[in-house]
């Protein structure tokens, strides 16, 4: 079955942070998140479980009270409703998978 493809054009989420919603179905969504040096996603939470995989660069990810410094090939899991934030000091690209899909990422 072919899934819904939402966006290929990047959407600026925050200064220096862009999202491409690549594909989503009924139960999951895949997004590519690109960070410019100094790009920052402030502390937030959402009900969706979020898993991710670092493709390029180094991601500094805070999940609850834990700080992770992740390199290409490393992955993470953020349980739903858990506060988290991310920053990058160099160009960084990650794939984020949300379950269920984030409604606010479908049309933007």
PDB file of N, CA and C in Angstrom:
ATOM      1  N   UNK A   1       0.845  -1.177   0.000  1.00  0.00           N
ATOM      2  CA  UNK A   1       0.000   0.000   0.000  1.00  0.00           C
ATOM      3  C   UNK A   1       0.886   1.234   0.000  1.00  0.00           C
ATOM      4  N   UNK A   2       0.562   2.178  -0.809  1.00  0.00           N
ATOM      5  CA  UNK A   2       1.280   3.444  -0.842  1.00  0.00           C
ATOM      6  C   UNK A   2       0.713   4.341   0.255  1.00  0.00           C
ATOM      7  N   UNK A   3       1.593   5.025   0.990  1.00  0.00           N
ATOM      8  CA  UNK A   3       1.163   5.884   2.088  1.00  0.00           C
ATOM      9  C   UNK A   3       1.052   7.330   1.614  1.00  0.00           C
ATOM     10  N   UNK A   4       0.435   8.154   2.436  1.00  0.00           N
ATOM     11  CA  UNK A   4       0.286   9.578   2.127  1.00  0.00           C
ATOM     12  C   UNK A   4       1.634  10.280   2.214  1.00  0.00           C
ATOM     13  N   UNK A   5       2.004  10.998   1.197  1.00  0.00           N
ATOM     14  CA  UNK A   5       3.205  11.824   1.232  1.00  0.00           C
ATOM     15  C   UNK A   5       2.744  13.255   1.455  1.00  0.00           C
ATOM     16  N   UNK A   6       3.206  13.864   2.541  1.00  0.00           N
ATOM     17  CA  UNK A   6       2.704  15.177   2.919  1.00  0.00           C
ATOM     18  C   UNK A   6       3.539  16.310   2.329  1.00  0.00           C
ATOM     19  N   UNK A   7       4.819  16.366   2.634  1.00  0.00           N
ATOM     20  CA  UNK A   7       5.651  17.494   2.215  1.00  0.00           C
ATOM     21  C   UNK A   7       7.028  17.015   1.797  1.00  0.00           C
ATOM     22  N   UNK A   8       7.584  17.701   0.843  1.00  0.00           N
ATOM     23  CA  UNK A   8       8.997  17.552   0.559  1.00  0.00           C
ATOM     24  C   UNK A   8       9.706  18.886   0.736  1.00  0.00           C
ATOM     25  N   UNK A   9       8.953  19.976   0.745  1.00  0.00           N
ATOM     26  CA  UNK A   9       9.539  21.287   0.994  1.00  0.00           C
ATOM     27  C   UNK A   9       9.717  21.480   2.496  1.00  0.00           C
ATOM     28  N   UNK A  10      10.873  22.030   2.928  1.00  0.00           N
ATOM     29  CA  UNK A  10      11.088  22.216   4.365  1.00  0.00           C
ATOM     30  C   UNK A  10      10.201  23.311   4.947  1.00  0.00           C
ATOM     31  N   UNK A  11       9.817  23.104   6.191  1.00  0.00           N
ATOM     32  CA  UNK A  11       9.042  24.074   6.970  1.00  0.00           C
ATOM     33  C   UNK A  11       9.919  24.504   8.140  1.00  0.00           C
ATOM     34  N   UNK A  12      10.086  25.816   8.330  1.00  0.00           N
ATOM     35  CA  UNK A  12      10.879  26.280   9.469  1.00  0.00           C
ATOM     36  C   UNK A  12      10.065  26.111  10.745  1.00  0.00           C
ATOM     37  N   UNK A  13      10.581  25.293  11.651  1.00  0.00           N
ATOM     38  CA  UNK A  13       9.930  25.066  12.942  1.00  0.00           C
ATOM     39  C   UNK A  13      10.366  26.131  13.946  1.00  0.00           C
ATOM     40  N   UNK A  14      11.672  26.354  14.000  1.00  0.00           N
ATOM     41  CA  UNK A  14      12.310  27.339  14.864  1.00  0.00           C
ATOM     42  C   UNK A  14      13.491  27.885  14.073  1.00  0.00           C
ATOM     43  N   UNK A  15      14.076  28.982  14.522  1.00  0.00           N
ATOM     44  CA  UNK A  15      15.236  29.527  13.826  1.00  0.00           C
ATOM     45  C   UNK A  15      16.322  28.460  13.739  1.00  0.00           C
ATOM     46  N   UNK A  16      16.732  28.150  12.518  1.00  0.00           N
ATOM     47  CA  UNK A  16      17.793  27.162  12.318  1.00  0.00           C
ATOM     48  C   UNK A  16      17.346  25.720  12.372  1.00  0.00           C
ATOM     49  N   UNK A  17      16.031  25.470  12.435  1.00  0.00           N
ATOM     50  CA  UNK A  17      15.508  24.095  12.490  1.00  0.00           C
ATOM     51  C   UNK A  17      14.385  23.965  11.466  1.00  0.00           C
ATOM     52  N   UNK A  18      14.550  23.032  10.535  1.00  0.00           N
ATOM     53  CA  UNK A  18      13.559  22.821   9.477  1.00  0.00           C
ATOM     54  C   UNK A  18      13.079  21.375   9.469  1.00  0.00           C
ATOM     55  N   UNK A  19      11.809  21.203   9.132  1.00  0.00           N
ATOM     56  CA  UNK A  19      11.192  19.873   9.089  1.00  0.00           C
ATOM     57  C   UNK A  19      10.674  19.589   7.690  1.00  0.00           C
ATOM     58  N   UNK A  20      10.877  18.357   7.255  1.00  0.00           N
ATOM     59  CA  UNK A  20      10.196  17.833   6.071  1.00  0.00           C
ATOM     60  C   UNK A  20       9.357  16.657   6.544  1.00  0.00           C
ATOM     61  N   UNK A  21       8.046  16.748   6.404  1.00  0.00           N
ATOM     62  CA  UNK A  21       7.187  15.606   6.692  1.00  0.00           C
ATOM     63  C   UNK A  21       7.252  14.717   5.456  1.00  0.00           C
ATOM     64  N   UNK A  22       7.902  13.569   5.595  1.00  0.00           N
ATOM     65  CA  UNK A  22       8.163  12.715   4.442  1.00  0.00           C
ATOM     66  C   UNK A  22       6.987  11.821   4.094  1.00  0.00           C
ATOM     67  N   UNK A  23       6.417  11.174   5.116  1.00  0.00           N
ATOM     68  CA  UNK A  23       5.339  10.221   4.860  1.00  0.00           C
ATOM     69  C   UNK A  23       4.611   9.941   6.168  1.00  0.00           C
ATOM     70  N   UNK A  24       3.326   9.636   6.063  1.00  0.00           N
ATOM     71  CA  UNK A  24       2.590   9.186   7.244  1.00  0.00           C
ATOM     72  C   UNK A  24       1.466   8.267   6.814  1.00  0.00           C
ATOM     73  N   UNK A  25       1.118   7.386   7.743  1.00  0.00           N
ATOM     74  CA  UNK A  25      -0.021   6.497   7.573  1.00  0.00           C
ATOM     75  C   UNK A  25      -0.959   6.699   8.744  1.00  0.00           C
ATOM     76  N   UNK A  26      -1.752   5.691   9.053  1.00  0.00           N
ATOM     77  CA  UNK A  26      -2.697   5.802  10.159  1.00  0.00           C
ATOM     78  C   UNK A  26      -2.014   5.762  11.522  1.00  0.00           C
ATOM     79  N   UNK A  27      -0.865   5.072  11.632  1.00  0.00           N
ATOM     80  CA  UNK A  27      -0.272   4.832  12.945  1.00  0.00           C
ATOM     81  C   UNK A  27       1.104   5.431  13.149  1.00  0.00           C
ATOM     82  N   UNK A  28       1.758   5.917  12.107  1.00  0.00           N
ATOM     83  CA  UNK A  28       3.112   6.456  12.262  1.00  0.00           C
ATOM     84  C   UNK A  28       3.384   7.528  11.216  1.00  0.00           C
ATOM     85  N   UNK A  29       4.379   8.349  11.517  1.00  0.00           N
ATOM     86  CA  UNK A  29       4.791   9.457  10.652  1.00  0.00           C
ATOM     87  C   UNK A  29       6.308   9.535  10.681  1.00  0.00           C
ATOM     88  N   UNK A  30       6.923   9.805   9.517  1.00  0.00           N
ATOM     89  CA  UNK A  30       8.369   9.987   9.438  1.00  0.00           C
ATOM     90  C   UNK A  30       8.647  11.409   8.976  1.00  0.00           C
ATOM     91  N   UNK A  31       9.500  12.099   9.740  1.00  0.00           N
ATOM     92  CA  UNK A  31       9.907  13.460   9.407  1.00  0.00           C
ATOM     93  C   UNK A  31      11.428  13.540   9.389  1.00  0.00           C
ATOM     94  N   UNK A  32      11.945  14.361   8.495  1.00  0.00           N
ATOM     95  CA  UNK A  32      13.369  14.682   8.494  1.00  0.00           C
ATOM     96  C   UNK A  32      13.516  16.050   9.136  1.00  0.00           C
ATOM     97  N   UNK A  33      14.363  16.134  10.158  1.00  0.00           N
ATOM     98  CA  UNK A  33      14.604  17.393  10.858  1.00  0.00           C
ATOM     99  C   UNK A  33      16.049  17.799  10.596  1.00  0.00           C
ATOM    100  N   UNK A  34      16.237  19.030  10.097  1.00  0.00           N
ATOM    101  CA  UNK A  34      17.575  19.541   9.793  1.00  0.00           C
ATOM    102  C   UNK A  34      17.874  20.726  10.702  1.00  0.00           C
ATOM    103  N   UNK A  35      19.044  20.674  11.337  1.00  0.00           N
ATOM    104  CA  UNK A  35      19.503  21.735  12.233  1.00  0.00           C
ATOM    105  C   UNK A  35      20.675  22.465  11.584  1.00  0.00           C
ATOM    106  N   UNK A  36      20.616  23.778  11.534  1.00  0.00           N
ATOM    107  CA  UNK A  36      21.783  24.592  11.219  1.00  0.00           C
ATOM    108  C   UNK A  36      22.598  24.715  12.505  1.00  0.00           C
ATOM    109  N   UNK A  37      23.874  25.086  12.426  1.00  0.00           N
ATOM    110  CA  UNK A  37      24.635  25.295  13.660  1.00  0.00           C
ATOM    111  C   UNK A  37      23.907  26.281  14.576  1.00  0.00           C
ATOM    112  N   UNK A  38      23.736  25.902  15.826  1.00  0.00           N
ATOM    113  CA  UNK A  38      23.019  26.727  16.793  1.00  0.00           C
ATOM    114  C   UNK A  38      21.517  26.540  16.772  1.00  0.00           C
ATOM    115  N   UNK A  39      21.000  25.701  15.868  1.00  0.00           N
ATOM    116  CA  UNK A  39      19.563  25.421  15.828  1.00  0.00           C
ATOM    117  C   UNK A  39      19.102  24.795  17.132  1.00  0.00           C
ATOM    118  N   UNK A  40      17.920  25.193  17.586  1.00  0.00           N
ATOM    119  CA  UNK A  40      17.465  24.792  18.918  1.00  0.00           C
ATOM    120  C   UNK A  40      15.961  24.532  18.906  1.00  0.00           C
ATOM    121  N   UNK A  41      15.566  23.375  19.411  1.00  0.00           N
ATOM    122  CA  UNK A  41      14.152  23.070  19.654  1.00  0.00           C
ATOM    123  C   UNK A  41      13.946  23.196  21.158  1.00  0.00           C
ATOM    124  N   UNK A  42      13.161  24.173  21.610  1.00  0.00           N
ATOM    125  CA  UNK A  42      13.006  24.390  23.046  1.00  0.00           C
ATOM    126  C   UNK A  42      12.262  23.242  23.735  1.00  0.00           C
ATOM    127  N   UNK A  43      12.379  23.214  25.042  1.00  0.00           N
ATOM    128  CA  UNK A  43      11.721  22.193  25.854  1.00  0.00           C
ATOM    129  C   UNK A  43      10.225  22.176  25.560  1.00  0.00           C
ATOM    130  N   UNK A  44       9.700  20.997  25.287  1.00  0.00           N
ATOM    131  CA  UNK A  44       8.280  20.826  24.980  1.00  0.00           C
ATOM    132  C   UNK A  44       7.910  19.367  25.212  1.00  0.00           C
ATOM    133  N   UNK A  45       6.641  19.056  25.096  1.00  0.00           N
ATOM    134  CA  UNK A  45       6.194  17.662  25.128  1.00  0.00           C
ATOM    135  C   UNK A  45       4.950  17.530  24.270  1.00  0.00           C
ATOM    136  N   UNK A  46       4.611  16.299  23.949  1.00  0.00           N
ATOM    137  CA  UNK A  46       3.424  15.977  23.157  1.00  0.00           C
ATOM    138  C   UNK A  46       3.037  14.544  23.489  1.00  0.00           C
ATOM    139  N   UNK A  47       1.808  14.154  23.235  1.00  0.00           N
ATOM    140  CA  UNK A  47       1.365  12.803  23.612  1.00  0.00           C
ATOM    141  C   UNK A  47       1.958  11.697  22.743  1.00  0.00           C
ATOM    142  N   UNK A  48       2.522  12.039  21.589  1.00  0.00           N
ATOM    143  CA  UNK A  48       3.042  11.037  20.664  1.00  0.00           C
ATOM    144  C   UNK A  48       4.373  10.476  21.150  1.00  0.00           C
ATOM    145  N   UNK A  49       4.561   9.158  21.024  1.00  0.00           N
ATOM    146  CA  UNK A  49       5.894   8.597  21.198  1.00  0.00           C
ATOM    147  C   UNK A  49       6.743   9.086  20.029  1.00  0.00           C
ATOM    148  N   UNK A  50       7.995   9.415  20.306  1.00  0.00           N
ATOM    149  CA  UNK A  50       8.909   9.899  19.268  1.00  0.00           C
ATOM    150  C   UNK A  50      10.175   9.066  19.313  1.00  0.00           C
ATOM    151  N   UNK A  51      10.515   8.457  18.199  1.00  0.00           N
ATOM    152  CA  UNK A  51      11.788   7.760  18.083  1.00  0.00           C
ATOM    153  C   UNK A  51      12.579   8.463  16.995  1.00  0.00           C
ATOM    154  N   UNK A  52      13.889   8.379  17.069  1.00  0.00           N
ATOM    155  CA  UNK A  52      14.688   9.083  16.080  1.00  0.00           C
ATOM    156  C   UNK A  52      16.010   8.410  15.818  1.00  0.00           C
ATOM    157  N   UNK A  53      16.626   8.827  14.702  1.00  0.00           N
ATOM    158  CA  UNK A  53      17.879   8.261  14.231  1.00  0.00           C
ATOM    159  C   UNK A  53      18.704   9.402  13.640  1.00  0.00           C
ATOM    160  N   UNK A  54      19.937   9.542  14.109  1.00  0.00           N
ATOM    161  CA  UNK A  54      20.806  10.616  13.633  1.00  0.00           C
ATOM    162  C   UNK A  54      21.478  10.179  12.330  1.00  0.00           C
ATOM    163  N   UNK A  55      21.279  10.976  11.277  1.00  0.00           N
ATOM    164  CA  UNK A  55      21.887  10.697   9.974  1.00  0.00           C
ATOM    165  C   UNK A  55      23.223  11.418   9.799  1.00  0.00           C
ATOM    166  N   UNK A  56      23.282  12.685  10.223  1.00  0.00           N
ATOM    167  CA  UNK A  56      24.476  13.521  10.051  1.00  0.00           C
ATOM    168  C   UNK A  56      24.627  14.433  11.256  1.00  0.00           C
ATOM    169  N   UNK A  57      25.869  14.779  11.590  1.00  0.00           N
ATOM    170  CA  UNK A  57      26.131  15.757  12.634  1.00  0.00           C
ATOM    171  C   UNK A  57      26.049  15.171  14.030  1.00  0.00           C
ATOM    172  N   UNK A  58      25.866  16.060  15.000  1.00  0.00           N
ATOM    173  CA  UNK A  58      25.777  15.683  16.411  1.00  0.00           C
ATOM    174  C   UNK A  58      24.556  16.363  17.018  1.00  0.00           C
ATOM    175  N   UNK A  59      23.682  15.577  17.621  1.00  0.00           N
ATOM    176  CA  UNK A  59      22.471  16.093  18.258  1.00  0.00           C
ATOM    177  C   UNK A  59      22.634  16.043  19.764  1.00  0.00           C
ATOM    178  N   UNK A  60      22.407  17.174  20.417  1.00  0.00           N
ATOM    179  CA  UNK A  60      22.351  17.222  21.880  1.00  0.00           C
ATOM    180  C   UNK A  60      20.881  17.193  22.249  1.00  0.00           C
ATOM    181  N   UNK A  61      20.459  16.109  22.868  1.00  0.00           N
ATOM    182  CA  UNK A  61      19.048  15.867  23.143  1.00  0.00           C
ATOM    183  C   UNK A  61      18.843  15.685  24.636  1.00  0.00           C
ATOM    184  N   UNK A  62      17.965  16.494  25.205  1.00  0.00           N
ATOM    185  CA  UNK A  62      17.585  16.340  26.604  1.00  0.00           C
ATOM    186  C   UNK A  62      16.224  15.667  26.638  1.00  0.00           C
ATOM    187  N   UNK A  63      16.153  14.534  27.342  1.00  0.00           N
ATOM    188  CA  UNK A  63      14.899  13.798  27.536  1.00  0.00           C
ATOM    189  C   UNK A  63      14.677  13.728  29.037  1.00  0.00           C
ATOM    190  N   UNK A  64      13.670  14.436  29.525  1.00  0.00           N
ATOM    191  CA  UNK A  64      13.489  14.520  30.975  1.00  0.00           C
ATOM    192  C   UNK A  64      14.717  15.182  31.577  1.00  0.00           C
ATOM    193  N   UNK A  65      15.413  14.487  32.459  1.00  0.00           N
ATOM    194  CA  UNK A  65      16.618  15.011  33.109  1.00  0.00           C
ATOM    195  C   UNK A  65      17.899  14.510  32.454  1.00  0.00           C
ATOM    196  N   UNK A  66      17.790  13.675  31.430  1.00  0.00           N
ATOM    197  CA  UNK A  66      18.958  13.037  30.815  1.00  0.00           C
ATOM    198  C   UNK A  66      19.423  13.804  29.576  1.00  0.00           C
ATOM    199  N   UNK A  67      20.725  14.090  29.488  1.00  0.00           N
ATOM    200  CA  UNK A  67      21.318  14.711  28.307  1.00  0.00           C
ATOM    201  C   UNK A  67      22.040  13.642  27.500  1.00  0.00           C
ATOM    202  N   UNK A  68      21.664  13.506  26.237  1.00  0.00           N
ATOM    203  CA  UNK A  68      22.314  12.574  25.323  1.00  0.00           C
ATOM    204  C   UNK A  68      23.047  13.378  24.256  1.00  0.00           C
ATOM    205  N   UNK A  69      24.237  12.949  23.896  1.00  0.00           N
ATOM    206  CA  UNK A  69      24.970  13.517  22.770  1.00  0.00           C
ATOM    207  C   UNK A  69      25.067  12.398  21.744  1.00  0.00           C
ATOM    208  N   UNK A  70      24.346  12.568  20.637  1.00  0.00           N
ATOM    209  CA  UNK A  70      24.154  11.484  19.673  1.00  0.00           C
ATOM    210  C   UNK A  70      24.848  11.788  18.355  1.00  0.00           C
ATOM    211  N   UNK A  71      25.524  10.785  17.826  1.00  0.00           N
ATOM    212  CA  UNK A  71      26.269  10.868  16.565  1.00  0.00           C
ATOM    213  C   UNK A  71      25.554  10.053  15.493  1.00  0.00           C
ATOM    214  N   UNK A  72      25.971  10.173  14.235  1.00  0.00           N
ATOM    215  CA  UNK A  72      25.351   9.387  13.166  1.00  0.00           C
ATOM    216  C   UNK A  72      25.333   7.892  13.489  1.00  0.00           C
ATOM    217  N   UNK A  73      24.185   7.284  13.234  1.00  0.00           N
ATOM    218  CA  UNK A  73      23.999   5.865  13.517  1.00  0.00           C
ATOM    219  C   UNK A  73      23.414   5.587  14.885  1.00  0.00           C
ATOM    220  N   UNK A  74      23.282   6.612  15.728  1.00  0.00           N
ATOM    221  CA  UNK A  74      22.695   6.424  17.054  1.00  0.00           C
ATOM    222  C   UNK A  74      21.224   6.828  17.028  1.00  0.00           C
ATOM    223  N   UNK A  75      20.461   6.253  17.950  1.00  0.00           N
ATOM    224  CA  UNK A  75      19.010   6.436  17.964  1.00  0.00           C
ATOM    225  C   UNK A  75      18.535   6.767  19.373  1.00  0.00           C
ATOM    226  N   UNK A  76      17.272   7.164  19.470  1.00  0.00           N
ATOM    227  CA  UNK A  76      16.683   7.541  20.755  1.00  0.00           C
ATOM    228  C   UNK A  76      15.191   7.245  20.742  1.00  0.00           C
ATOM    229  N   UNK A  77      14.635   7.156  21.959  1.00  0.00           N
ATOM    230  CA  UNK A  77      13.200   6.974  22.154  1.00  0.00           C
ATOM    231  C   UNK A  77      12.749   8.000  23.186  1.00  0.00           C
ATOM    232  N   UNK A  78      11.696   8.743  22.845  1.00  0.00           N
ATOM    233  CA  UNK A  78      11.110   9.716  23.763  1.00  0.00           C
ATOM    234  C   UNK A  78       9.673   9.271  24.022  1.00  0.00           C
ATOM    235  N   UNK A  79       9.372   8.789  25.236  1.00  0.00           N
ATOM    236  CA  UNK A  79       7.997   8.381  25.529  1.00  0.00           C
ATOM    237  C   UNK A  79       7.038   9.570  25.410  1.00  0.00           C
ATOM    238  N   UNK A  80       5.801   9.300  25.096  1.00  0.00           N
ATOM    239  CA  UNK A  80       4.791  10.344  25.023  1.00  0.00           C
ATOM    240  C   UNK A  80       4.719  11.142  26.312  1.00  0.00           C
ATOM    241  N   UNK A  81       4.439  12.436  26.192  1.00  0.00           N
ATOM    242  CA  UNK A  81       4.272  13.367  27.313  1.00  0.00           C
ATOM    243  C   UNK A  81       5.540  13.601  28.124  1.00  0.00           C
ATOM    244  N   UNK A  82       6.703  13.235  27.596  1.00  0.00           N
ATOM    245  CA  UNK A  82       7.970  13.454  28.288  1.00  0.00           C
ATOM    246  C   UNK A  82       8.609  14.743  27.775  1.00  0.00           C
ATOM    247  N   UNK A  83       8.942  15.688  28.669  1.00  0.00           N
ATOM    248  CA  UNK A  83       9.591  16.920  28.223  1.00  0.00           C
ATOM    249  C   UNK A  83      10.935  16.612  27.552  1.00  0.00           C
ATOM    250  N   UNK A  84      11.194  17.298  26.441  1.00  0.00           N
ATOM    251  CA  UNK A  84      12.456  17.097  25.728  1.00  0.00           C
ATOM    252  C   UNK A  84      12.807  18.349  24.933  1.00  0.00           C
ATOM    253  N   UNK A  85      14.099  18.490  24.629  1.00  0.00           N
ATOM    254  CA  UNK A  85      14.620  19.621  23.868  1.00  0.00           C
ATOM    255  C   UNK A  85      15.821  19.131  23.073  1.00  0.00           C
ATOM    256  N   UNK A  86      16.165  19.861  22.009  1.00  0.00           N
ATOM    257  CA  UNK A  86      17.291  19.445  21.175  1.00  0.00           C
ATOM    258  C   UNK A  86      18.031  20.662  20.649  1.00  0.00           C
ATOM    259  N   UNK A  87      19.333  20.499  20.458  1.00  0.00           N
ATOM    260  CA  UNK A  87      20.160  21.538  19.866  1.00  0.00           C
ATOM    261  C   UNK A  87      21.300  20.885  19.102  1.00  0.00           C
ATOM    262  N   UNK A  88      21.891  21.655  18.195  1.00  0.00           N
ATOM    263  CA  UNK A  88      23.025  21.163  17.418  1.00  0.00           C
ATOM    264  C   UNK A  88      24.014  22.305  17.216  1.00  0.00           C
ATOM    265  N   UNK A  89      25.297  22.008  17.367  1.00  0.00           N
ATOM    266  CA  UNK A  89      26.348  23.004  17.166  1.00  0.00           C
ATOM    267  C   UNK A  89      26.935  22.949  15.762  1.00  0.00           C
ATOM    268  N   UNK A  90      26.515  21.967  14.982  1.00  0.00           N
ATOM    269  CA  UNK A  90      26.992  21.793  13.615  1.00  0.00           C
ATOM    270  C   UNK A  90      25.803  21.364  12.762  1.00  0.00           C
ATOM    271  N   UNK A  91      25.906  21.415  11.440  1.00  0.00           N
ATOM    272  CA  UNK A  91      24.792  20.930  10.623  1.00  0.00           C
ATOM    273  C   UNK A  91      24.454  19.485  11.004  1.00  0.00           C
ATOM    274  N   UNK A  92      23.180  19.249  11.300  1.00  0.00           N
ATOM    275  CA  UNK A  92      22.743  17.945  11.809  1.00  0.00           C
ATOM    276  C   UNK A  92      21.416  17.584  11.160  1.00  0.00           C
ATOM    277  N   UNK A  93      21.264  16.308  10.813  1.00  0.00           N
ATOM    278  CA  UNK A  93      20.025  15.816  10.213  1.00  0.00           C
ATOM    279  C   UNK A  93      19.598  14.557  10.952  1.00  0.00           C
ATOM    280  N   UNK A  94      18.328  14.508  11.345  1.00  0.00           N
ATOM    281  CA  UNK A  94      17.776  13.329  12.015  1.00  0.00           C
ATOM    282  C   UNK A  94      16.476  12.920  11.334  1.00  0.00           C
ATOM    283  N   UNK A  95      16.145  11.655  11.474  1.00  0.00           N
ATOM    284  CA  UNK A  95      14.816  11.169  11.113  1.00  0.00           C
ATOM    285  C   UNK A  95      14.046  10.993  12.400  1.00  0.00           C
ATOM    286  N   UNK A  96      12.866  11.573  12.485  1.00  0.00           N
ATOM    287  CA  UNK A  96      11.984  11.398  13.638  1.00  0.00           C
ATOM    288  C   UNK A  96      10.762  10.612  13.199  1.00  0.00           C
ATOM    289  N   UNK A  97      10.389   9.647  14.020  1.00  0.00           N
ATOM    290  CA  UNK A  97       9.197   8.836  13.772  1.00  0.00           C
ATOM    291  C   UNK A  97       8.244   9.088  14.932  1.00  0.00           C
ATOM    292  N   UNK A  98       7.021   9.473  14.605  1.00  0.00           N
ATOM    293  CA  UNK A  98       6.003   9.762  15.614  1.00  0.00           C
ATOM    294  C   UNK A  98       4.888   8.737  15.516  1.00  0.00           C
ATOM    295  N   UNK A  99       4.443   8.248  16.679  1.00  0.00           N
ATOM    296  CA  UNK A  99       3.315   7.321  16.725  1.00  0.00           C
ATOM    297  C   UNK A  99       2.424   7.705  17.895  1.00  0.00           C
ATOM    298  N   UNK A 100       1.161   7.990  17.629  1.00  0.00           N
ATOM    299  CA  UNK A 100       0.539   8.137  16.318  1.00  0.00           C
ATOM    300  C   UNK A 100       1.085   9.375  15.609  1.00  0.00           C
ATOM    301  N   UNK A 101       0.741   9.574  14.328  1.00  0.00           N
ATOM    302  CA  UNK A 101       1.210  10.752  13.607  1.00  0.00           C
ATOM    303  C   UNK A 101       0.793  12.047  14.315  1.00  0.00           C
ATOM    304  N   UNK A 102       1.635  13.052  14.212  1.00  0.00           N
ATOM    305  CA  UNK A 102       1.298  14.372  14.756  1.00  0.00           C
ATOM    306  C   UNK A 102       0.370  15.078  13.788  1.00  0.00           C
ATOM    307  N   UNK A 103      -0.812  15.381  14.226  1.00  0.00           N
ATOM    308  CA  UNK A 103      -1.780  16.079  13.373  1.00  0.00           C
ATOM    309  C   UNK A 103      -1.240  17.436  12.918  1.00  0.00           C
ATOM    310  N   UNK A 104      -0.500  18.122  13.811  1.00  0.00           N
ATOM    311  CA  UNK A 104       0.004  19.457  13.479  1.00  0.00           C
ATOM    312  C   UNK A 104       1.136  19.430  12.456  1.00  0.00           C
ATOM    313  N   UNK A 105       1.660  18.263  12.126  1.00  0.00           N
ATOM    314  CA  UNK A 105       2.717  18.154  11.115  1.00  0.00           C
ATOM    315  C   UNK A 105       2.186  17.663   9.773  1.00  0.00           C
ATOM    316  N   UNK A 106       0.919  17.324   9.686  1.00  0.00           N
ATOM    317  CA  UNK A 106       0.377  16.779   8.440  1.00  0.00           C
ATOM    318  C   UNK A 106       0.209  17.837   7.362  1.00  0.00           C
ATOM    319  N   UNK A 107      -0.218  19.020   7.709  1.00  0.00           N
ATOM    320  CA  UNK A 107      -0.580  20.020   6.710  1.00  0.00           C
ATOM    321  C   UNK A 107       0.334  21.231   6.689  1.00  0.00           C
ATOM    322  N   UNK A 108       1.471  21.154   7.398  1.00  0.00           N
ATOM    323  CA  UNK A 108       2.388  22.297   7.401  1.00  0.00           C
ATOM    324  C   UNK A 108       3.759  21.841   6.998  1.00  0.00           C
TER     325      UNK A 108
END
